Amino acid sequence: LYPVEVFAKIGNFDKLHLPHYASDYEFSCR
């Protein structure tokens, strides 16, 4: 569960560099 303000501040998931695996871990680190 993500508060919407997270996306407002850091953007969306990185579909360019991580199209399938690891995008969730990267987003959480970010």
ModelCIF file with pLDDT and N, C-alpha, C, O atoms, coordinates in Angstrom:
data_MODEL
#
_entry.id   MODEL 
#
_entity.id                         1 
_entity.type                       polymer 
_entity.pdbx_number_of_molecules   1 
#
_entity_poly.entity_id                      1 
_entity_poly.type                           'polypeptide(L)' 
_entity_poly.nstd_linkage                   no 
_entity_poly.nstd_monomer                   no 
_entity_poly.pdbx_seq_one_letter_code       LYPVEVFAKIGNFDKLHLPHYASDYEFSCR 
_entity_poly.pdbx_seq_one_letter_code_can   LYPVEVFAKIGNFDKLHLPHYASDYEFSCR 
_entity_poly.pdbx_strand_id                 A 
#
loop_
_entity_poly_seq.entity_id 
_entity_poly_seq.num 
_entity_poly_seq.mon_id 
_entity_poly_seq.hetero 
1 1  LEU n 
1 2  TYR n 
1 3  PRO n 
1 4  VAL n 
1 5  GLU n 
1 6  VAL n 
1 7  PHE n 
1 8  ALA n 
1 9  LYS n 
1 10 ILE n 
1 11 GLY n 
1 12 ASN n 
1 13 PHE n 
1 14 ASP n 
1 15 LYS n 
1 16 LEU n 
1 17 HIS n 
1 18 LEU n 
1 19 PRO n 
1 20 HIS n 
1 21 TYR n 
1 22 ALA n 
1 23 SER n 
1 24 ASP n 
1 25 TYR n 
1 26 GLU n 
1 27 PHE n 
1 28 SER n 
1 29 CYS n 
1 30 ARG n 
#
_struct_asym.id          A 
_struct_asym.entity_id   1 
#
loop_
_ma_qa_metric.id 
_ma_qa_metric.mode 
_ma_qa_metric.name 
_ma_qa_metric.software_group_id 
_ma_qa_metric.type 
1 global pLDDT . pLDDT 
2 local  pLDDT . pLDDT 
#
_ma_qa_metric_global.metric_id      1 
_ma_qa_metric_global.metric_value   96.57 
_ma_qa_metric_global.model_id       1 
_ma_qa_metric_global.ordinal_id     1 
#
loop_
_ma_qa_metric_local.label_asym_id 
_ma_qa_metric_local.label_comp_id 
_ma_qa_metric_local.label_seq_id 
_ma_qa_metric_local.metric_id 
_ma_qa_metric_local.metric_value 
_ma_qa_metric_local.model_id 
_ma_qa_metric_local.ordinal_id 
A LEU 1  2 98.00 1 1  
A TYR 2  2 98.00 1 2  
A PRO 3  2 98.00 1 3  
A VAL 4  2 98.00 1 4  
A GLU 5  2 98.00 1 5  
A VAL 6  2 98.00 1 6  
A PHE 7  2 98.00 1 7  
A ALA 8  2 96.00 1 8  
A LYS 9  2 98.00 1 9  
A ILE 10 2 98.00 1 10 
A GLY 11 2 98.00 1 11 
A ASN 12 2 98.00 1 12 
A PHE 13 2 98.00 1 13 
A ASP 14 2 97.00 1 14 
A LYS 15 2 96.00 1 15 
A LEU 16 2 95.00 1 16 
A HIS 17 2 96.00 1 17 
A LEU 18 2 96.00 1 18 
A PRO 19 2 94.00 1 19 
A HIS 20 2 90.00 1 20 
A TYR 21 2 89.00 1 21 
A ALA 22 2 93.00 1 22 
A SER 23 2 96.00 1 23 
A ASP 24 2 96.00 1 24 
A TYR 25 2 97.00 1 25 
A GLU 26 2 98.00 1 26 
A PHE 27 2 98.00 1 27 
A SER 28 2 98.00 1 28 
A CYS 29 2 98.00 1 29 
A ARG 30 2 98.00 1 30 
#
loop_
_atom_site.group_PDB 
_atom_site.id 
_atom_site.type_symbol 
_atom_site.label_atom_id 
_atom_site.label_alt_id 
_atom_site.label_comp_id 
_atom_site.label_asym_id 
_atom_site.label_entity_id 
_atom_site.label_seq_id 
_atom_site.pdbx_PDB_ins_code 
_atom_site.Cartn_x 
_atom_site.Cartn_y 
_atom_site.Cartn_z 
_atom_site.occupancy 
_atom_site.B_iso_or_equiv 
_atom_site.pdbx_formal_charge 
_atom_site.auth_seq_id 
_atom_site.auth_comp_id 
_atom_site.auth_asym_id 
_atom_site.auth_atom_id 
_atom_site.pdbx_PDB_model_num 
ATOM 1   N N  . LEU A 1 1  ? 0.849  -1.194 0.000   1.00 98.00 ? 1  LEU A N  1 
ATOM 2   C CA . LEU A 1 1  ? 0.000  0.000  0.000   1.00 98.00 ? 1  LEU A CA 1 
ATOM 3   C C  . LEU A 1 1  ? 0.885  1.244  0.000   1.00 98.00 ? 1  LEU A C  1 
ATOM 4   O O  . LEU A 1 1  ? 1.720  1.429  0.885   1.00 98.00 ? 1  LEU A O  1 
ATOM 5   N N  . TYR A 1 2  ? 0.684  2.100  -1.015  1.00 98.00 ? 2  TYR A N  1 
ATOM 6   C CA . TYR A 1 2  ? 1.472  3.319  -1.157  1.00 98.00 ? 2  TYR A CA 1 
ATOM 7   C C  . TYR A 1 2  ? 0.561  4.541  -1.033  1.00 98.00 ? 2  TYR A C  1 
ATOM 8   O O  . TYR A 1 2  ? -0.425 4.632  -1.763  1.00 98.00 ? 2  TYR A O  1 
ATOM 9   N N  . PRO A 1 3  ? 0.853  5.474  -0.145  1.00 98.00 ? 3  PRO A N  1 
ATOM 10  C CA . PRO A 1 3  ? 0.148  6.761  -0.180  1.00 98.00 ? 3  PRO A CA 1 
ATOM 11  C C  . PRO A 1 3  ? 0.425  7.458  -1.512  1.00 98.00 ? 3  PRO A C  1 
ATOM 12  O O  . PRO A 1 3  ? 1.539  7.373  -2.028  1.00 98.00 ? 3  PRO A O  1 
ATOM 13  N N  . VAL A 1 4  ? -0.559 8.137  -2.070  1.00 98.00 ? 4  VAL A N  1 
ATOM 14  C CA . VAL A 1 4  ? -0.380 8.731  -3.400  1.00 98.00 ? 4  VAL A CA 1 
ATOM 15  C C  . VAL A 1 4  ? 0.728  9.780  -3.423  1.00 98.00 ? 4  VAL A C  1 
ATOM 16  O O  . VAL A 1 4  ? 1.311  10.039 -4.476  1.00 98.00 ? 4  VAL A O  1 
ATOM 17  N N  . GLU A 1 5  ? 1.024  10.386 -2.273  1.00 98.00 ? 5  GLU A N  1 
ATOM 18  C CA . GLU A 1 5  ? 2.061  11.415 -2.257  1.00 98.00 ? 5  GLU A CA 1 
ATOM 19  C C  . GLU A 1 5  ? 3.459  10.840 -2.537  1.00 98.00 ? 5  GLU A C  1 
ATOM 20  O O  . GLU A 1 5  ? 4.376  11.583 -2.888  1.00 98.00 ? 5  GLU A O  1 
ATOM 21  N N  . VAL A 1 6  ? 3.617  9.533  -2.384  1.00 98.00 ? 6  VAL A N  1 
ATOM 22  C CA . VAL A 1 6  ? 4.895  8.902  -2.727  1.00 98.00 ? 6  VAL A CA 1 
ATOM 23  C C  . VAL A 1 6  ? 5.181  9.099  -4.219  1.00 98.00 ? 6  VAL A C  1 
ATOM 24  O O  . VAL A 1 6  ? 6.287  9.483  -4.601  1.00 98.00 ? 6  VAL A O  1 
ATOM 25  N N  . PHE A 1 7  ? 4.186  8.834  -5.047  1.00 98.00 ? 7  PHE A N  1 
ATOM 26  C CA . PHE A 1 7  ? 4.352  8.964  -6.496  1.00 98.00 ? 7  PHE A CA 1 
ATOM 27  C C  . PHE A 1 7  ? 4.523  10.428 -6.908  1.00 98.00 ? 7  PHE A C  1 
ATOM 28  O O  . PHE A 1 7  ? 5.250  10.737 -7.852  1.00 98.00 ? 7  PHE A O  1 
ATOM 29  N N  . ALA A 1 8  ? 3.846  11.316 -6.192  1.00 96.00 ? 8  ALA A N  1 
ATOM 30  C CA . ALA A 1 8  ? 3.968  12.742 -6.500  1.00 96.00 ? 8  ALA A CA 1 
ATOM 31  C C  . ALA A 1 8  ? 5.400  13.222 -6.268  1.00 96.00 ? 8  ALA A C  1 
ATOM 32  O O  . ALA A 1 8  ? 5.884  14.120 -6.958  1.00 96.00 ? 8  ALA A O  1 
ATOM 33  N N  . LYS A 1 9  ? 6.065  12.617 -5.294  1.00 98.00 ? 9  LYS A N  1 
ATOM 34  C CA . LYS A 1 9  ? 7.412  13.071 -4.948  1.00 98.00 ? 9  LYS A CA 1 
ATOM 35  C C  . LYS A 1 9  ? 8.504  12.365 -5.738  1.00 98.00 ? 9  LYS A C  1 
ATOM 36  O O  . LYS A 1 9  ? 9.472  13.008 -6.144  1.00 98.00 ? 9  LYS A O  1 
ATOM 37  N N  . ILE A 1 10 ? 8.376  11.045 -5.973  1.00 98.00 ? 10 ILE A N  1 
ATOM 38  C CA . ILE A 1 10 ? 9.491  10.306 -6.584  1.00 98.00 ? 10 ILE A CA 1 
ATOM 39  C C  . ILE A 1 10 ? 9.187  9.749  -7.967  1.00 98.00 ? 10 ILE A C  1 
ATOM 40  O O  . ILE A 1 10 ? 10.067 9.164  -8.598  1.00 98.00 ? 10 ILE A O  1 
ATOM 41  N N  . GLY A 1 11 ? 7.965  9.916  -8.450  1.00 98.00 ? 11 GLY A N  1 
ATOM 42  C CA . GLY A 1 11 ? 7.602  9.413  -9.761  1.00 98.00 ? 11 GLY A CA 1 
ATOM 43  C C  . GLY A 1 11 ? 7.061  7.993  -9.718  1.00 98.00 ? 11 GLY A C  1 
ATOM 44  O O  . GLY A 1 11 ? 6.744  7.469  -8.650  1.00 98.00 ? 11 GLY A O  1 
ATOM 45  N N  . ASN A 1 12 ? 6.960  7.379  -10.884 1.00 98.00 ? 12 ASN A N  1 
ATOM 46  C CA . ASN A 1 12 ? 6.336  6.069  -11.049 1.00 98.00 ? 12 ASN A CA 1 
ATOM 47  C C  . ASN A 1 12 ? 7.411  4.974  -11.054 1.00 98.00 ? 12 ASN A C  1 
ATOM 48  O O  . ASN A 1 12 ? 8.597  5.260  -10.893 1.00 98.00 ? 12 ASN A O  1 
ATOM 49  N N  . PHE A 1 13 ? 6.990  3.736  -11.238 1.00 98.00 ? 13 PHE A N  1 
ATOM 50  C CA . PHE A 1 13 ? 7.928  2.625  -11.356 1.00 98.00 ? 13 PHE A CA 1 
ATOM 51  C C  . PHE A 1 13 ? 8.758  2.771  -12.633 1.00 98.00 ? 13 PHE A C  1 
ATOM 52  O O  . PHE A 1 13 ? 8.295  3.328  -13.628 1.00 98.00 ? 13 PHE A O  1 
ATOM 53  N N  . ASP A 1 14 ? 9.994  2.260  -12.587 1.00 97.00 ? 14 ASP A N  1 
ATOM 54  C CA . ASP A 1 14 ? 10.933 2.453  -13.689 1.00 97.00 ? 14 ASP A CA 1 
ATOM 55  C C  . ASP A 1 14 ? 10.774 1.348  -14.731 1.00 97.00 ? 14 ASP A C  1 
ATOM 56  O O  . ASP A 1 14 ? 11.470 0.334  -14.685 1.00 97.00 ? 14 ASP A O  1 
ATOM 57  N N  . LYS A 1 15 ? 9.855  1.554  -15.664 1.00 96.00 ? 15 LYS A N  1 
ATOM 58  C CA . LYS A 1 15 ? 9.591  0.551  -16.694 1.00 96.00 ? 15 LYS A CA 1 
ATOM 59  C C  . LYS A 1 15 ? 10.676 0.509  -17.763 1.00 96.00 ? 15 LYS A C  1 
ATOM 60  O O  . LYS A 1 15 ? 10.791 -0.480 -18.486 1.00 96.00 ? 15 LYS A O  1 
ATOM 61  N N  . LEU A 1 16 ? 11.477 1.573  -17.873 1.00 95.00 ? 16 LEU A N  1 
ATOM 62  C CA . LEU A 1 16 ? 12.520 1.634  -18.891 1.00 95.00 ? 16 LEU A CA 1 
ATOM 63  C C  . LEU A 1 16 ? 13.702 0.734  -18.535 1.00 95.00 ? 16 LEU A C  1 
ATOM 64  O O  . LEU A 1 16 ? 14.129 -0.085 -19.349 1.00 95.00 ? 16 LEU A O  1 
ATOM 65  N N  . HIS A 1 17 ? 14.224 0.886  -17.331 1.00 96.00 ? 17 HIS A N  1 
ATOM 66  C CA . HIS A 1 17 ? 15.418 0.144  -16.945 1.00 96.00 ? 17 HIS A CA 1 
ATOM 67  C C  . HIS A 1 17 ? 15.113 -1.220 -16.325 1.00 96.00 ? 17 HIS A C  1 
ATOM 68  O O  . HIS A 1 17 ? 15.929 -2.139 -16.400 1.00 96.00 ? 17 HIS A O  1 
ATOM 69  N N  . LEU A 1 18 ? 13.934 -1.344 -15.714 1.00 96.00 ? 18 LEU A N  1 
ATOM 70  C CA . LEU A 1 18 ? 13.584 -2.586 -15.003 1.00 96.00 ? 18 LEU A CA 1 
ATOM 71  C C  . LEU A 1 18 ? 12.187 -3.027 -15.424 1.00 96.00 ? 18 LEU A C  1 
ATOM 72  O O  . LEU A 1 18 ? 11.230 -2.845 -14.672 1.00 96.00 ? 18 LEU A O  1 
ATOM 73  N N  . PRO A 1 19 ? 12.059 -3.604 -16.619 1.00 94.00 ? 19 PRO A N  1 
ATOM 74  C CA . PRO A 1 19 ? 10.738 -3.903 -17.170 1.00 94.00 ? 19 PRO A CA 1 
ATOM 75  C C  . PRO A 1 19 ? 9.975  -5.021 -16.474 1.00 94.00 ? 19 PRO A C  1 
ATOM 76  O O  . PRO A 1 19 ? 8.758  -5.119 -16.626 1.00 94.00 ? 19 PRO A O  1 
ATOM 77  N N  . HIS A 1 20 ? 10.665 -5.864 -15.715 1.00 90.00 ? 20 HIS A N  1 
ATOM 78  C CA . HIS A 1 20 ? 9.954  -6.989 -15.083 1.00 90.00 ? 20 HIS A CA 1 
ATOM 79  C C  . HIS A 1 20 ? 10.393 -7.199 -13.626 1.00 90.00 ? 20 HIS A C  1 
ATOM 80  O O  . HIS A 1 20 ? 9.634  -6.899 -12.704 1.00 90.00 ? 20 HIS A O  1 
ATOM 81  N N  . TYR A 1 21 ? 11.582 -7.699 -13.421 1.00 89.00 ? 21 TYR A N  1 
ATOM 82  C CA . TYR A 1 21 ? 12.079 -7.943 -12.061 1.00 89.00 ? 21 TYR A CA 1 
ATOM 83  C C  . TYR A 1 21 ? 12.818 -6.731 -11.504 1.00 89.00 ? 21 TYR A C  1 
ATOM 84  O O  . TYR A 1 21 ? 13.384 -5.925 -12.244 1.00 89.00 ? 21 TYR A O  1 
ATOM 85  N N  . ALA A 1 22 ? 12.795 -6.628 -10.165 1.00 93.00 ? 22 ALA A N  1 
ATOM 86  C CA . ALA A 1 22 ? 13.569 -5.652 -9.374  1.00 93.00 ? 22 ALA A CA 1 
ATOM 87  C C  . ALA A 1 22 ? 13.007 -4.236 -9.375  1.00 93.00 ? 22 ALA A C  1 
ATOM 88  O O  . ALA A 1 22 ? 13.498 -3.394 -8.622  1.00 93.00 ? 22 ALA A O  1 
ATOM 89  N N  . SER A 1 23 ? 12.000 -3.943 -10.189 1.00 96.00 ? 23 SER A N  1 
ATOM 90  C CA . SER A 1 23 ? 11.441 -2.587 -10.182 1.00 96.00 ? 23 SER A CA 1 
ATOM 91  C C  . SER A 1 23 ? 10.779 -2.262 -8.855  1.00 96.00 ? 23 SER A C  1 
ATOM 92  O O  . SER A 1 23 ? 10.778 -1.108 -8.426  1.00 96.00 ? 23 SER A O  1 
ATOM 93  N N  . ASP A 1 24 ? 10.210 -3.282 -8.194  1.00 96.00 ? 24 ASP A N  1 
ATOM 94  C CA . ASP A 1 24 ? 9.574  -3.045 -6.901  1.00 96.00 ? 24 ASP A CA 1 
ATOM 95  C C  . ASP A 1 24 ? 10.608 -2.717 -5.833  1.00 96.00 ? 24 ASP A C  1 
ATOM 96  O O  . ASP A 1 24 ? 10.412 -1.796 -5.039  1.00 96.00 ? 24 ASP A O  1 
ATOM 97  N N  . TYR A 1 25 ? 11.717 -3.471 -5.810  1.00 97.00 ? 25 TYR A N  1 
ATOM 98  C CA . TYR A 1 25 ? 12.781 -3.180 -4.851  1.00 97.00 ? 25 TYR A CA 1 
ATOM 99  C C  . TYR A 1 25 ? 13.386 -1.801 -5.115  1.00 97.00 ? 25 TYR A C  1 
ATOM 100 O O  . TYR A 1 25 ? 13.641 -1.038 -4.183  1.00 97.00 ? 25 TYR A O  1 
ATOM 101 N N  . GLU A 1 26 ? 13.612 -1.488 -6.397  1.00 98.00 ? 26 GLU A N  1 
ATOM 102 C CA . GLU A 1 26 ? 14.185 -0.185 -6.724  1.00 98.00 ? 26 GLU A CA 1 
ATOM 103 C C  . GLU A 1 26 ? 13.268 0.950  -6.293  1.00 98.00 ? 26 GLU A C  1 
ATOM 104 O O  . GLU A 1 26 ? 13.732 1.960  -5.763  1.00 98.00 ? 26 GLU A O  1 
ATOM 105 N N  . PHE A 1 27 ? 11.954 0.785  -6.522  1.00 98.00 ? 27 PHE A N  1 
ATOM 106 C CA . PHE A 1 27 ? 11.005 1.837  -6.146  1.00 98.00 ? 27 PHE A CA 1 
ATOM 107 C C  . PHE A 1 27 ? 11.010 2.047  -4.637  1.00 98.00 ? 27 PHE A C  1 
ATOM 108 O O  . PHE A 1 27 ? 10.985 3.184  -4.166  1.00 98.00 ? 27 PHE A O  1 
ATOM 109 N N  . SER A 1 28 ? 11.043 0.959  -3.883  1.00 98.00 ? 28 SER A N  1 
ATOM 110 C CA . SER A 1 28 ? 11.050 1.069  -2.426  1.00 98.00 ? 28 SER A CA 1 
ATOM 111 C C  . SER A 1 28 ? 12.330 1.740  -1.924  1.00 98.00 ? 28 SER A C  1 
ATOM 112 O O  . SER A 1 28 ? 12.283 2.561  -1.008  1.00 98.00 ? 28 SER A O  1 
ATOM 113 N N  . CYS A 1 29 ? 13.466 1.393  -2.520  1.00 98.00 ? 29 CYS A N  1 
ATOM 114 C CA . CYS A 1 29 ? 14.723 2.044  -2.152  1.00 98.00 ? 29 CYS A CA 1 
ATOM 115 C C  . CYS A 1 29 ? 14.651 3.540  -2.434  1.00 98.00 ? 29 CYS A C  1 
ATOM 116 O O  . CYS A 1 29 ? 15.099 4.360  -1.633  1.00 98.00 ? 29 CYS A O  1 
ATOM 117 N N  . ARG A 1 30 ? 14.082 3.878  -3.581  1.00 98.00 ? 30 ARG A N  1 
ATOM 118 C CA . ARG A 1 30 ? 13.937 5.284  -3.970  1.00 98.00 ? 30 ARG A CA 1 
ATOM 119 C C  . ARG A 1 30 ? 13.031 6.027  -2.985  1.00 98.00 ? 30 ARG A C  1 
ATOM 120 O O  . ARG A 1 30 ? 12.791 7.223  -3.148  1.00 98.00 ? 30 ARG A O  1 
#
